[in-house]
Amino acid sequence: MTALVSRFRSGFPPGYTAITREGEEPFDTGMDFGVHRLGRGETLEETDPKETAWLLLEGEAEVEWDGEKARVRRASLFDEAPTALHVPARTRVRLRTEGAGSEWVVVRAANERRFAAKLFHPEELKHEYRGAGLVQGASLRNVRLIFDDANRPEANLVLGEVVNYPGRWSSYPPHHHPQAEIYHYRFTLPQGYGHAELGDEVYKVRSYDTIKITGGVSHAQVSAPGYGMYYVWAVRHLPGNRYTGFRFTEEHRWVLDPAHQGWRPPGTP
């Protein structure tokens, strides 16, 4: 068994596909994580016993929750900010696809706390360009935080996305945190790929792959030149130890100092 889940590389079938489950061994992340595909005109209604986040990957849908309703749409993971619905346990959610279909990442965690359900719209989420001006631009990426401890303190989940530019690194320098995390990947072209580091282990990742990162393991990613890489990241808060950030691997921290950027090949701009 490895931390890489690669059995869905041909894509996901209609309906819900479970990728990993809370309590699953080995590499338990404390989360249920999967992908739900809805066909043209299809409707889904549920009231789940766990805290749940629905992250729209592609398509159009009408979303209903707690007496509220909204139409949502996403055509590009790479060029458009996310839309996500986050609800507490036992909240009635109804999704009705409009157009050709819709695809969603679904993340769940046990949580008895009550909090207000919220639909996060693209226009309220800021893009954070991390790595700018460092290591000759080799780790510039677009990080899109959807929610964390700061804006959803009652939640047991943290959710975001990264757009990893072709040939560049993200989650870099390598970092670690006590809480488990999940990465789920997509690429700009079907043959696209990248590499994911978990400590000293390196995995080749492709579209529809998922990496399970257990607590304390350092991790970083790189995309092959020519291929944009997108990944969802989800973190599970620990009881008494909520995720509020990460620590960089000490031996590589020096690249964060703009005055010390390492060797530059002669003649490069």
Protein backbone atom coordinates (compact mmCIF):
# COMPACT_ATOMS: atom_id res chain seq x y z
CA MET A 1 0.00 0.00 0.00
CA THR A 2 1.17 3.53 -0.80
CA ALA A 3 -0.07 7.03 -0.04
CA LEU A 4 -0.88 7.50 -3.75
CA VAL A 5 -4.38 6.61 -4.96
CA SER A 6 -4.00 6.23 -8.75
CA ARG A 7 -6.73 3.77 -9.74
CA PHE A 8 -9.03 6.45 -11.25
CA ARG A 9 -6.71 7.74 -13.99
CA SER A 10 -9.31 7.04 -16.69
CA GLY A 11 -11.70 9.43 -14.92
CA PHE A 12 -14.62 9.03 -12.55
CA PRO A 13 -17.91 7.29 -13.39
CA PRO A 14 -21.32 8.93 -12.84
CA GLY A 15 -22.44 9.22 -9.24
CA TYR A 16 -20.24 9.29 -6.15
CA THR A 17 -16.78 7.70 -6.09
CA ALA A 18 -15.17 7.32 -2.66
CA ILE A 19 -11.41 7.86 -2.82
CA THR A 20 -10.64 7.58 0.90
CA ARG A 21 -12.70 7.38 4.09
CA GLU A 22 -12.33 8.62 7.64
CA GLY A 23 -10.77 5.82 9.72
CA GLU A 24 -9.39 4.02 6.67
CA GLU A 25 -6.06 2.27 7.17
CA PRO A 26 -3.31 2.68 6.23
CA PHE A 27 -2.74 6.42 5.83
CA ASP A 28 -5.87 7.56 7.67
CA THR A 29 -6.46 11.26 6.99
CA GLY A 30 -9.54 11.56 9.22
CA MET A 31 -11.60 12.63 6.19
CA ASP A 32 -14.04 11.19 3.70
CA PHE A 33 -12.91 12.38 0.27
CA GLY A 34 -14.45 11.64 -3.10
CA VAL A 35 -15.77 12.93 -6.40
CA HIS A 36 -19.43 13.20 -7.40
CA ARG A 37 -20.42 13.50 -11.06
CA LEU A 38 -23.98 14.52 -11.96
CA GLY A 39 -25.39 14.13 -15.47
CA ARG A 40 -27.55 16.48 -17.50
CA GLY A 41 -30.66 17.46 -15.54
CA GLU A 42 -29.76 15.14 -12.66
CA THR A 43 -30.72 16.06 -9.09
CA LEU A 44 -29.07 15.00 -5.84
CA GLU A 45 -30.57 15.57 -2.41
CA GLU A 46 -28.90 14.56 0.87
CA THR A 47 -28.74 15.19 4.60
CA ASP A 48 -25.40 13.80 5.73
CA PRO A 49 -24.39 13.19 9.38
CA LYS A 50 -20.97 14.82 8.83
CA GLU A 51 -19.66 18.31 8.16
CA THR A 52 -19.40 18.54 4.37
CA ALA A 53 -17.77 20.74 1.74
CA TRP A 54 -18.91 20.60 -1.90
CA LEU A 55 -16.27 22.11 -4.24
CA LEU A 56 -17.37 22.65 -7.85
CA LEU A 57 -14.77 21.45 -10.34
CA GLU A 58 -16.74 21.89 -13.56
CA GLY A 59 -20.23 22.53 -14.88
CA GLU A 60 -23.39 24.39 -13.93
CA ALA A 61 -25.88 23.67 -11.18
CA GLU A 62 -28.58 25.08 -8.96
CA VAL A 63 -27.66 24.68 -5.30
CA GLU A 64 -30.11 24.76 -2.37
CA TRP A 65 -29.31 24.69 1.37
CA ASP A 66 -31.03 25.96 4.53
CA GLY A 67 -33.78 27.63 2.53
CA GLU A 68 -31.29 29.45 0.28
CA LYS A 69 -30.71 28.94 -3.42
CA ALA A 70 -28.03 29.93 -5.95
CA ARG A 71 -26.90 29.13 -9.47
CA VAL A 72 -23.22 28.27 -9.81
CA ARG A 73 -20.96 27.74 -12.79
CA ARG A 74 -17.32 26.87 -13.47
CA ALA A 75 -15.67 26.31 -16.84
CA SER A 76 -11.96 26.20 -15.90
CA LEU A 77 -10.09 25.03 -12.82
CA PHE A 78 -7.03 26.94 -13.95
CA ASP A 79 -8.51 30.30 -14.93
CA GLU A 80 -11.43 30.67 -12.51
CA ALA A 81 -11.59 30.94 -8.72
CA PRO A 82 -13.58 28.26 -6.87
CA THR A 83 -17.17 27.99 -5.74
CA ALA A 84 -17.75 25.84 -2.64
CA LEU A 85 -20.66 25.06 -0.33
CA HIS A 86 -19.72 24.31 3.30
CA VAL A 87 -22.39 22.97 5.65
CA PRO A 88 -22.57 21.50 9.16
CA ALA A 89 -23.79 17.98 9.84
CA ARG A 90 -27.42 17.12 9.04
CA THR A 91 -27.93 20.03 6.65
CA ARG A 92 -30.24 19.35 3.72
CA VAL A 93 -28.41 20.00 0.44
CA ARG A 94 -29.95 19.80 -3.02
CA LEU A 95 -27.94 19.99 -6.26
CA ARG A 96 -29.60 20.10 -9.68
CA THR A 97 -27.34 20.10 -12.72
CA GLU A 98 -27.98 22.60 -15.46
CA GLY A 99 -26.36 22.15 -18.85
CA ALA A 100 -24.31 19.08 -19.73
CA GLY A 101 -23.39 18.03 -16.17
CA SER A 102 -21.33 18.93 -13.13
CA GLU A 103 -18.43 17.46 -11.17
CA TRP A 104 -17.76 18.06 -7.48
CA VAL A 105 -15.11 17.22 -4.90
CA VAL A 106 -16.85 16.18 -1.68
CA VAL A 107 -14.98 16.35 1.65
CA ARG A 108 -16.47 15.27 4.98
CA ALA A 109 -15.40 15.02 8.62
CA ALA A 110 -17.17 14.09 11.84
CA ASN A 111 -18.20 17.26 13.68
CA GLU A 112 -21.09 17.84 16.09
CA ARG A 113 -20.58 21.61 16.33
CA ARG A 114 -23.19 23.81 14.68
CA PHE A 115 -22.26 26.70 12.41
CA ALA A 116 -23.90 28.65 9.61
CA ALA A 117 -23.84 27.01 6.20
CA LYS A 118 -22.12 29.17 3.60
CA LEU A 119 -21.69 29.27 -0.17
CA PHE A 120 -18.26 30.69 -1.03
CA HIS A 121 -18.40 32.65 -4.29
CA PRO A 122 -15.39 33.14 -6.63
CA GLU A 123 -15.44 36.93 -6.33
CA GLU A 124 -14.93 36.86 -2.54
CA LEU A 125 -11.85 34.61 -2.63
CA LYS A 126 -8.44 36.21 -3.11
CA HIS A 127 -5.56 34.78 -5.10
CA GLU A 128 -2.28 34.52 -3.21
CA TYR A 129 0.81 34.33 -5.43
CA ARG A 130 3.33 32.60 -3.23
CA GLY A 131 6.99 32.29 -4.15
CA ALA A 132 7.15 35.59 -6.09
CA GLY A 133 10.71 36.90 -6.33
CA LEU A 134 12.29 33.75 -4.93
CA VAL A 135 14.55 31.09 -6.47
CA GLN A 136 14.39 32.65 -9.95
CA GLY A 137 10.61 32.27 -10.08
CA ALA A 138 10.83 28.49 -9.83
CA SER A 139 8.23 28.21 -7.05
CA LEU A 140 5.68 30.86 -8.08
CA ARG A 141 2.13 29.50 -7.76
CA ASN A 142 -1.44 30.64 -7.18
CA VAL A 143 -2.87 29.57 -3.81
CA ARG A 144 -6.64 29.94 -3.33
CA LEU A 145 -7.72 29.53 0.27
CA ILE A 146 -11.47 28.89 0.58
CA PHE A 147 -11.82 28.51 4.34
CA ASP A 148 -9.67 27.79 7.38
CA ASP A 149 -9.59 28.35 11.13
CA ALA A 150 -9.78 32.13 10.71
CA ASN A 151 -13.15 32.30 8.93
CA ARG A 152 -14.69 28.91 9.93
CA PRO A 153 -13.52 28.36 13.54
CA GLU A 154 -16.25 25.77 14.26
CA ALA A 155 -15.24 23.57 11.32
CA ASN A 156 -13.07 20.45 11.41
CA LEU A 157 -11.92 21.00 7.82
CA VAL A 158 -9.69 23.43 5.92
CA LEU A 159 -10.13 23.69 2.15
CA GLY A 160 -8.25 25.33 -0.70
CA GLU A 161 -6.75 24.96 -4.17
CA VAL A 162 -3.37 25.51 -5.82
CA VAL A 163 -2.64 26.28 -9.46
CA ASN A 164 0.89 25.02 -10.03
CA TYR A 165 2.52 26.66 -13.06
CA PRO A 166 4.27 24.49 -15.68
CA GLY A 167 7.74 23.38 -14.66
CA ARG A 168 7.50 25.03 -11.25
CA TRP A 169 7.21 23.93 -7.66
CA SER A 170 4.54 24.49 -5.04
CA SER A 171 4.26 23.66 -1.34
CA TYR A 172 7.88 24.78 -1.49
CA PRO A 173 10.16 24.86 0.44
CA PRO A 174 8.91 21.49 1.70
CA HIS A 175 6.77 21.93 4.77
CA HIS A 176 5.00 19.84 7.38
CA HIS A 177 2.27 20.07 10.01
CA PRO A 178 0.80 17.62 12.56
CA GLN A 179 -2.59 17.49 10.79
CA ALA A 180 -3.28 15.10 7.92
CA GLU A 181 -3.91 16.48 4.44
CA ILE A 182 -5.20 15.35 1.04
CA TYR A 183 -4.12 16.54 -2.43
CA HIS A 184 -6.24 15.75 -5.50
CA TYR A 185 -4.76 16.52 -8.94
CA ARG A 186 -5.81 17.65 -12.41
CA PHE A 187 -3.66 18.78 -15.38
CA THR A 188 -4.15 21.08 -18.36
CA LEU A 189 -3.66 18.20 -20.83
CA PRO A 190 -4.55 14.50 -20.50
CA GLN A 191 -0.90 13.43 -20.67
CA GLY A 192 0.18 15.98 -18.06
CA TYR A 193 2.06 14.86 -14.98
CA GLY A 194 4.08 16.00 -12.00
CA HIS A 195 5.89 14.64 -8.98
CA ALA A 196 4.83 14.71 -5.34
CA GLU A 197 7.32 14.40 -2.49
CA LEU A 198 6.35 12.83 0.82
CA GLY A 199 9.49 12.89 2.89
CA ASP A 200 12.05 10.90 0.89
CA GLU A 201 9.36 9.16 -1.19
CA VAL A 202 8.53 10.60 -4.63
CA TYR A 203 5.35 9.75 -6.57
CA LYS A 204 4.55 10.47 -10.20
CA VAL A 205 1.06 12.02 -10.24
CA ARG A 206 -1.43 12.41 -13.08
CA SER A 207 -4.97 13.70 -13.49
CA TYR A 208 -7.50 12.19 -11.05
CA ASP A 209 -4.76 10.99 -8.66
CA THR A 210 -4.96 11.65 -4.92
CA ILE A 211 -2.17 11.77 -2.34
CA LYS A 212 -2.84 11.06 1.36
CA ILE A 213 -0.40 13.00 3.56
CA THR A 214 -0.28 11.82 7.14
CA GLY A 215 0.59 14.21 9.95
CA GLY A 216 4.20 15.34 10.28
CA VAL A 217 5.35 14.22 6.81
CA SER A 218 7.11 16.96 4.80
CA HIS A 219 5.72 17.51 1.30
CA ALA A 220 6.29 19.50 -1.89
CA GLN A 221 5.16 19.25 -5.54
CA VAL A 222 6.50 20.00 -9.03
CA SER A 223 4.75 20.01 -12.40
CA ALA A 224 6.44 18.85 -15.60
CA PRO A 225 7.32 21.68 -18.03
CA GLY A 226 4.47 22.43 -20.41
CA TYR A 227 1.74 21.20 -18.07
CA GLY A 228 -0.26 23.26 -15.62
CA MET A 229 -1.10 21.30 -12.48
CA TYR A 230 -4.12 21.96 -10.27
CA TYR A 231 -4.80 20.37 -6.92
CA VAL A 232 -7.42 20.56 -4.21
CA TRP A 233 -5.99 20.53 -0.70
CA ALA A 234 -7.99 19.58 2.36
CA VAL A 235 -6.71 19.48 5.96
CA ARG A 236 -8.33 17.85 8.98
CA HIS A 237 -8.07 19.76 12.27
CA LEU A 238 -6.92 17.66 15.23
CA PRO A 239 -8.70 17.78 18.59
CA GLY A 240 -6.87 20.39 20.63
CA ASN A 241 -4.44 21.09 17.77
CA ARG A 242 -6.09 22.98 14.95
CA TYR A 243 -4.33 23.71 11.68
CA THR A 244 -3.13 27.32 11.68
CA GLY A 245 -0.14 26.98 9.37
CA PHE A 246 2.95 24.89 8.70
CA ARG A 247 6.68 24.67 9.34
CA PHE A 248 9.23 24.65 6.55
CA THR A 249 11.82 21.88 6.44
CA GLU A 250 14.78 23.54 8.11
CA GLU A 251 17.50 22.64 5.60
CA HIS A 252 15.65 24.42 2.76
CA ARG A 253 14.40 27.52 4.61
CA TRP A 254 17.27 29.62 3.24
CA VAL A 255 15.53 29.99 -0.16
CA LEU A 256 12.96 32.26 1.53
CA ASP A 257 15.64 34.94 1.99
CA PRO A 258 15.60 37.21 -1.11
CA ALA A 259 19.26 38.13 -0.43
CA HIS A 260 20.43 34.52 -0.71
CA GLN A 261 18.94 32.83 -3.76
CA GLY A 262 21.58 30.28 -4.60
CA TRP A 263 23.52 29.63 -7.77
CA ARG A 264 22.37 31.36 -10.95
CA PRO A 265 23.70 29.94 -14.25
CA PRO A 266 25.98 32.42 -16.04
CA GLY A 267 24.25 34.38 -18.79
CA THR A 268 20.72 33.82 -17.53
CA PRO A 269 18.45 36.90 -17.35
